[in-house]
Protein backbone atom coordinates (compact mmCIF):
# COMPACT_ATOMS: atom_id res chain seq x y z
CA MET A 1 4.66 -34.44 2.15
CA ALA A 2 7.12 -35.02 -0.23
CA PRO A 3 10.69 -35.42 1.41
CA HIS A 4 11.68 -31.89 -0.16
CA ASN A 5 9.19 -30.30 1.83
CA ASP A 6 8.27 -32.00 4.85
CA VAL A 7 8.52 -29.25 7.75
CA GLU A 8 8.68 -31.88 10.43
CA ALA A 9 11.65 -33.62 8.71
CA PHE A 10 13.11 -30.16 8.29
CA HIS A 11 12.48 -29.41 11.76
CA GLU A 12 14.68 -32.54 12.90
CA VAL A 13 17.47 -31.18 10.66
CA LEU A 14 17.51 -27.85 12.34
CA ARG A 15 17.58 -29.01 15.80
CA SER A 16 20.68 -31.00 14.85
CA SER A 17 22.29 -27.85 13.07
CA ARG A 18 24.73 -25.63 14.71
CA ARG A 19 26.53 -23.50 12.09
CA ILE A 20 23.83 -22.03 9.81
CA LEU A 21 24.28 -19.85 6.57
CA ALA A 22 21.71 -17.65 4.49
CA LEU A 23 21.66 -16.09 1.39
CA CYS A 24 18.85 -13.58 1.06
CA GLY A 25 17.50 -11.91 -2.14
CA ALA A 26 14.81 -9.61 -2.83
CA GLY A 27 11.87 -12.19 -2.59
CA LEU A 28 12.54 -11.75 1.17
CA SER A 29 11.32 -8.15 1.02
CA ALA A 30 8.48 -8.73 -1.62
CA SER A 31 6.04 -9.07 1.25
CA SER A 32 7.01 -5.73 2.55
CA GLY A 33 5.80 -4.20 -0.77
CA LEU A 34 9.14 -3.54 -2.44
CA PRO A 35 9.51 -4.65 -6.07
CA THR A 36 12.27 -6.69 -7.20
CA PHE A 37 13.29 -5.03 -10.24
CA ARG A 38 14.78 -8.25 -11.63
CA GLY A 39 13.14 -10.78 -14.24
CA ALA A 40 9.68 -10.46 -16.08
CA GLY A 41 8.15 -6.88 -15.48
CA GLY A 42 11.81 -5.60 -13.92
CA PHE A 43 11.37 -2.03 -15.68
CA TRP A 44 11.30 1.21 -14.33
CA ARG A 45 9.73 3.75 -16.68
CA ASN A 46 10.99 2.48 -19.81
CA TYR A 47 14.38 1.48 -18.51
CA ASP A 48 15.77 -2.08 -17.71
CA ALA A 49 16.19 -1.44 -14.08
CA THR A 50 19.41 -3.62 -13.97
CA GLN A 51 20.79 -1.18 -16.84
CA LEU A 52 20.55 1.65 -14.59
CA ALA A 53 22.83 -0.34 -11.98
CA THR A 54 26.04 0.43 -13.72
CA VAL A 55 28.94 3.07 -13.44
CA ARG A 56 28.31 3.86 -17.20
CA ALA A 57 24.83 4.69 -16.90
CA PHE A 58 25.74 7.16 -13.94
CA LYS A 59 28.17 8.83 -16.11
CA MET A 60 25.86 9.04 -19.17
CA ASP A 61 22.87 10.63 -16.98
CA PRO A 62 23.28 10.53 -13.11
CA GLY A 63 20.26 12.58 -12.71
CA MET A 64 18.03 9.69 -13.92
CA VAL A 65 20.02 6.86 -12.32
CA TRP A 66 19.42 8.88 -9.02
CA LEU A 67 15.71 9.29 -9.58
CA PHE A 68 15.66 5.50 -9.85
CA TYR A 69 17.45 5.15 -6.42
CA ALA A 70 15.60 8.00 -4.80
CA TYR A 71 12.48 6.14 -5.59
CA ARG A 72 13.70 3.03 -4.13
CA ARG A 73 14.73 4.78 -1.29
CA HIS A 74 11.39 6.10 -0.57
CA LEU A 75 9.88 2.88 -1.11
CA ALA A 76 12.33 1.35 1.67
CA LEU A 77 11.87 3.91 3.89
CA LYS A 78 7.93 3.53 3.91
CA ALA A 79 8.17 -0.32 4.00
CA GLU A 80 8.37 -2.24 7.23
CA PRO A 81 10.45 -5.53 8.01
CA ASN A 82 8.17 -8.55 7.63
CA LYS A 83 7.96 -11.50 9.36
CA GLY A 84 10.51 -13.23 7.50
CA HIS A 85 13.25 -10.37 8.26
CA LYS A 86 12.11 -10.82 12.13
CA ALA A 87 12.39 -14.71 11.89
CA LEU A 88 16.33 -14.50 10.64
CA ALA A 89 17.10 -11.80 13.11
CA ALA A 90 15.61 -13.80 16.06
CA LEU A 91 17.39 -16.84 14.54
CA ALA A 92 20.71 -14.81 14.68
CA ARG A 93 20.01 -13.50 18.30
CA ARG A 94 19.46 -17.15 19.52
CA ASN A 95 22.49 -18.85 17.60
CA PRO A 96 25.77 -17.03 17.36
CA ASP A 97 26.83 -19.42 14.69
CA PHE A 98 24.54 -18.06 12.28
CA LEU A 99 25.54 -15.76 9.31
CA CYS A 100 23.34 -14.04 7.18
CA LEU A 101 24.37 -12.75 3.91
CA THR A 102 21.96 -10.32 2.09
CA GLN A 103 21.81 -9.18 -1.42
CA ASN A 104 19.34 -6.61 -0.46
CA VAL A 105 20.11 -2.87 -0.10
CA ASP A 106 16.88 -1.94 1.54
CA ASN A 107 17.77 -1.80 5.14
CA LEU A 108 14.79 -3.65 6.20
CA SER A 109 16.99 -6.62 8.18
CA GLN A 110 18.84 -3.98 10.01
CA ARG A 111 15.38 -2.44 11.07
CA ALA A 112 14.32 -5.73 12.25
CA GLN A 113 17.30 -5.77 14.93
CA HIS A 114 19.58 -8.28 12.99
CA PRO A 115 22.87 -8.30 14.75
CA PRO A 116 25.26 -6.45 12.68
CA SER A 117 28.02 -8.90 13.51
CA GLN A 118 25.71 -11.23 12.01
CA LEU A 119 24.68 -9.45 8.96
CA LYS A 120 26.81 -8.99 5.57
CA CYS A 121 25.42 -6.85 3.12
CA LEU A 122 27.00 -7.93 0.06
CA HIS A 123 25.58 -5.17 -2.33
CA GLY A 124 25.87 -2.01 0.08
CA SER A 125 22.99 -0.11 1.02
CA LEU A 126 20.60 2.44 -0.50
CA PHE A 127 21.31 4.57 2.53
CA ASP A 128 25.05 4.65 2.39
CA ILE A 129 26.38 7.43 0.11
CA LYS A 130 29.84 7.63 -1.36
CA CYS A 131 32.02 9.61 -4.06
CA SER A 132 31.56 8.69 -7.60
CA ASN A 133 35.39 9.77 -8.17
CA GLU A 134 37.23 6.34 -7.88
CA SER A 135 40.30 8.00 -6.37
CA CYS A 136 38.22 9.27 -3.42
CA ASP A 137 37.20 7.22 -0.24
CA TRP A 138 34.50 9.62 1.01
CA MET A 139 31.64 7.49 2.56
CA GLN A 140 28.51 8.70 4.48
CA LYS A 141 26.67 5.97 6.54
CA GLY A 142 23.04 5.97 7.12
CA ASN A 143 21.67 8.91 5.21
CA PHE A 144 17.91 8.72 5.43
CA ASP A 145 17.15 12.03 3.75
CA ASP A 146 13.85 11.74 1.67
CA PRO A 147 14.12 13.46 -0.55
CA PHE A 148 17.87 12.99 -0.95
CA CYS A 149 17.99 16.52 -2.32
CA ALA A 150 15.74 18.99 -3.93
CA ALA A 151 16.10 17.69 -7.61
CA LEU A 152 14.88 14.39 -6.48
CA ALA A 153 11.57 15.50 -4.92
CA PRO A 154 9.47 13.96 -7.55
CA ALA A 155 10.78 10.47 -6.62
CA SER A 156 9.44 11.00 -2.99
CA VAL A 157 5.87 11.86 -3.57
CA ASP A 158 2.90 9.74 -2.34
CA MET A 159 0.06 9.78 -4.68
CA PRO A 160 -3.83 10.07 -2.82
CA ASN A 161 -5.94 7.23 -3.12
CA GLY A 162 -3.77 4.89 -4.61
CA GLU A 163 -3.30 7.08 -8.05
CA PRO A 164 -0.24 6.12 -10.09
CA LEU A 165 2.94 8.07 -9.38
CA PRO A 166 3.64 10.26 -12.42
CA LEU A 167 7.32 9.31 -12.38
CA LEU A 168 6.75 5.65 -13.23
CA ASP A 169 5.00 6.56 -16.50
CA PRO A 170 7.48 6.22 -19.43
CA TYR A 171 5.31 8.63 -21.39
CA HIS A 172 5.29 11.25 -18.63
CA ARG A 173 8.10 13.95 -19.12
CA VAL A 174 10.58 13.97 -16.37
CA LYS A 175 12.31 17.29 -15.92
CA HIS A 176 16.25 16.73 -16.86
CA ILE A 177 18.31 16.71 -13.75
CA THR A 178 21.62 18.24 -14.11
CA GLU A 179 25.13 17.28 -12.56
CA ASP A 180 24.89 20.91 -10.77
CA GLU A 181 21.86 19.90 -9.23
CA LEU A 182 22.99 16.82 -7.55
CA PRO A 183 25.35 17.07 -4.36
CA LYS A 184 29.08 16.87 -4.76
CA CYS A 185 31.49 15.15 -2.59
CA PRO A 186 32.39 17.28 0.39
CA GLN A 187 35.88 15.62 0.38
CA CYS A 188 37.15 15.69 -2.99
CA SER A 189 34.63 18.33 -4.36
CA SER A 190 34.89 17.27 -7.73
CA GLY A 191 32.78 13.63 -7.74
CA LEU A 192 29.17 13.33 -7.39
CA GLN A 193 27.50 11.74 -4.71
CA ARG A 194 26.11 8.30 -5.65
CA PRO A 195 24.19 5.53 -3.81
CA GLY A 196 26.64 3.33 -1.78
CA VAL A 197 25.75 0.25 -3.72
CA VAL A 198 27.41 -2.23 -5.50
CA TRP A 199 26.78 -1.82 -9.40
CA PHE A 200 27.06 -4.65 -12.04
CA GLY A 201 30.90 -4.62 -12.70
CA GLU A 202 32.05 -3.46 -9.58
CA ASP A 203 33.98 -5.53 -6.99
CA LEU A 204 32.19 -6.31 -3.65
CA ASP A 205 33.96 -5.10 -0.50
CA ALA A 206 37.41 -6.99 -0.32
CA HIS A 207 37.25 -6.85 3.70
CA MET A 208 33.60 -8.29 3.93
CA MET A 209 34.67 -10.91 1.41
CA MET A 210 37.47 -11.82 3.66
CA ASP A 211 35.33 -11.84 6.67
CA ILE A 212 32.97 -14.48 5.07
CA SER A 213 35.67 -16.62 3.77
CA ALA A 214 37.31 -16.79 7.40
CA TRP A 215 33.82 -17.76 8.76
CA LEU A 216 33.40 -20.50 6.18
CA ARG A 217 37.02 -21.80 6.59
CA ALA A 218 36.71 -22.05 10.56
CA GLN A 219 34.18 -25.13 10.67
CA PRO A 220 31.86 -27.20 8.63
CA VAL A 221 28.54 -25.76 8.02
CA ASP A 222 25.36 -27.74 8.49
CA LEU A 223 22.82 -25.85 6.82
CA MET A 224 22.30 -23.23 4.35
CA PHE A 225 19.50 -21.16 3.42
CA VAL A 226 18.61 -19.64 0.15
CA ILE A 227 15.95 -17.15 0.43
CA GLY A 228 14.07 -15.10 -2.23
CA THR A 229 16.67 -15.34 -4.80
CA SER A 230 17.15 -17.35 -8.08
CA ALA A 231 20.78 -17.29 -7.24
CA GLY A 232 22.10 -16.29 -10.68
CA VAL A 233 24.37 -13.24 -9.61
CA TYR A 234 27.88 -13.91 -8.65
CA PRO A 235 29.81 -14.29 -6.45
CA ALA A 236 26.93 -14.37 -4.18
CA ALA A 237 25.37 -17.59 -5.80
CA GLY A 238 28.92 -19.26 -5.36
CA TYR A 239 28.49 -19.55 -1.84
CA ILE A 240 25.83 -22.24 -2.36
CA ASP A 241 28.30 -24.59 -3.78
CA LYS A 242 31.01 -23.59 -1.19
CA ALA A 243 28.66 -24.45 1.72
CA ARG A 244 27.54 -27.62 0.04
CA LYS A 245 31.43 -28.60 -0.25
CA LEU A 246 31.60 -27.86 3.64
CA GLY A 247 29.05 -30.40 4.34
CA ALA A 248 25.92 -28.11 4.42
CA ARG A 249 22.24 -29.25 3.32
CA ILE A 250 20.57 -26.65 1.32
CA VAL A 251 17.27 -25.18 2.07
CA ILE A 252 15.57 -23.16 -1.08
CA ILE A 253 12.66 -21.04 -0.03
CA ASN A 254 11.57 -18.91 -3.02
CA LEU A 255 8.19 -18.74 -4.79
CA GLU A 256 9.24 -20.68 -7.82
CA ALA A 257 11.42 -23.22 -5.78
CA GLU A 258 9.16 -26.20 -6.23
CA ASP A 259 8.71 -25.55 -9.83
CA GLU A 260 9.64 -28.31 -12.37
CA ALA A 261 12.22 -26.25 -13.84
CA GLU A 262 13.82 -25.44 -10.53
CA MET A 263 13.69 -28.76 -8.67
CA PHE A 264 16.89 -29.94 -10.41
CA LYS A 265 18.79 -27.59 -7.94
CA VAL A 266 17.40 -29.92 -5.06
CA LYS A 267 19.92 -32.77 -4.40
CA PRO A 268 19.18 -35.45 -2.20
CA GLY A 269 18.89 -34.26 1.58
CA ASP A 270 18.02 -30.86 0.44
CA PHE A 271 14.89 -28.89 1.30
CA ALA A 272 12.72 -26.85 -1.05
CA PHE A 273 9.65 -24.60 -0.12
CA GLY A 274 7.82 -23.10 -2.75
CA LYS A 275 6.11 -20.18 -0.43
CA ASP A 276 6.82 -16.66 0.46
CA ALA A 277 9.47 -16.32 2.82
CA ALA A 278 7.52 -14.28 5.12
CA GLU A 279 4.96 -16.84 5.38
CA ILE A 280 7.21 -19.94 5.68
CA LEU A 281 10.10 -18.70 7.70
CA PRO A 282 8.58 -18.26 10.99
CA VAL A 283 7.22 -21.76 10.70
CA LEU A 284 10.64 -23.54 9.50
CA LEU A 285 12.44 -21.79 12.33
CA GLU A 286 9.77 -22.20 15.16
CA PRO A 287 11.52 -24.75 17.12
CA ILE A 288 14.32 -22.44 17.57
CA ILE A 289 12.62 -18.81 17.98
CA GLY A 290 9.28 -19.73 19.07
CA LYS A 291 5.91 -18.46 18.02
CA PRO A 292 5.47 -14.51 17.42
CA ASN A 293 3.78 -12.61 20.05
CA GLU A 294 1.26 -9.92 19.49
CA GLU A 295 3.67 -7.33 18.39
CA GLY A 296 5.01 -9.84 15.99
CA GLU A 297 8.19 -10.42 17.87
CA PHE A 298 9.42 -13.81 18.64
CA GLU A 299 9.53 -15.37 21.78
CA LYS A 300 11.66 -18.84 22.67
CA PRO A 301 9.26 -21.44 23.69
């Protein structure tokens, strides 16, 4: 094996690593059947999905933005955590010095029983609801209503025999959803309820960022996983350089990680595994978390 993808060599590094950081992206949940909505094919109907994730888009057409997020909520509720989520959760339970930063909003890490104190959801959650009025601080945690409201029912349809959902066809006309059909904030009564996710142009939660900074400042970092993400979104991607400066060796796990165009990111002493995170994480973490049992849970050897 090449030095960058030698599993046995990685196991030696893992065994001697105590403080471990992980940054996770949409590729971690791909094996659970959730689309990434980034890069090639990242369209929803005829919209660039990233263009729907903005305050401006919500102000212009909150009904269409909510349909997009209602569809994502429905998919996430149907999905199950995969072995990658479970392996990271098992690592957290075995190692109190492991901290996971996830850009995912799908709640699959939480459902895999990842300890909450060791999981920072950088971009919020599809299942948190907040007020769109910036001067209002109302928020509801853990709303799993599906559909979220009656007007969004078309996003929660399961088609028989694998037939395509009409909502996803850009040529299928969708009934316009007015503001009056969407729930208002129960606190201020003026703002609309919106998904509690961080949209492009919005700041990450300040208290969460301070917690992460305090963890990084506490002691050197031995190892950092970069899982299922191209690490192109800041400030999340900036943690890679911060960890490296604190002594961490970087482990990139992504389907494109070993492509020629990506290998420049791999420095001497780092690792890169061009495999599905759900496949390779249980193998890489086996010395710490053990093998999965018949129920798919990990038992320490």
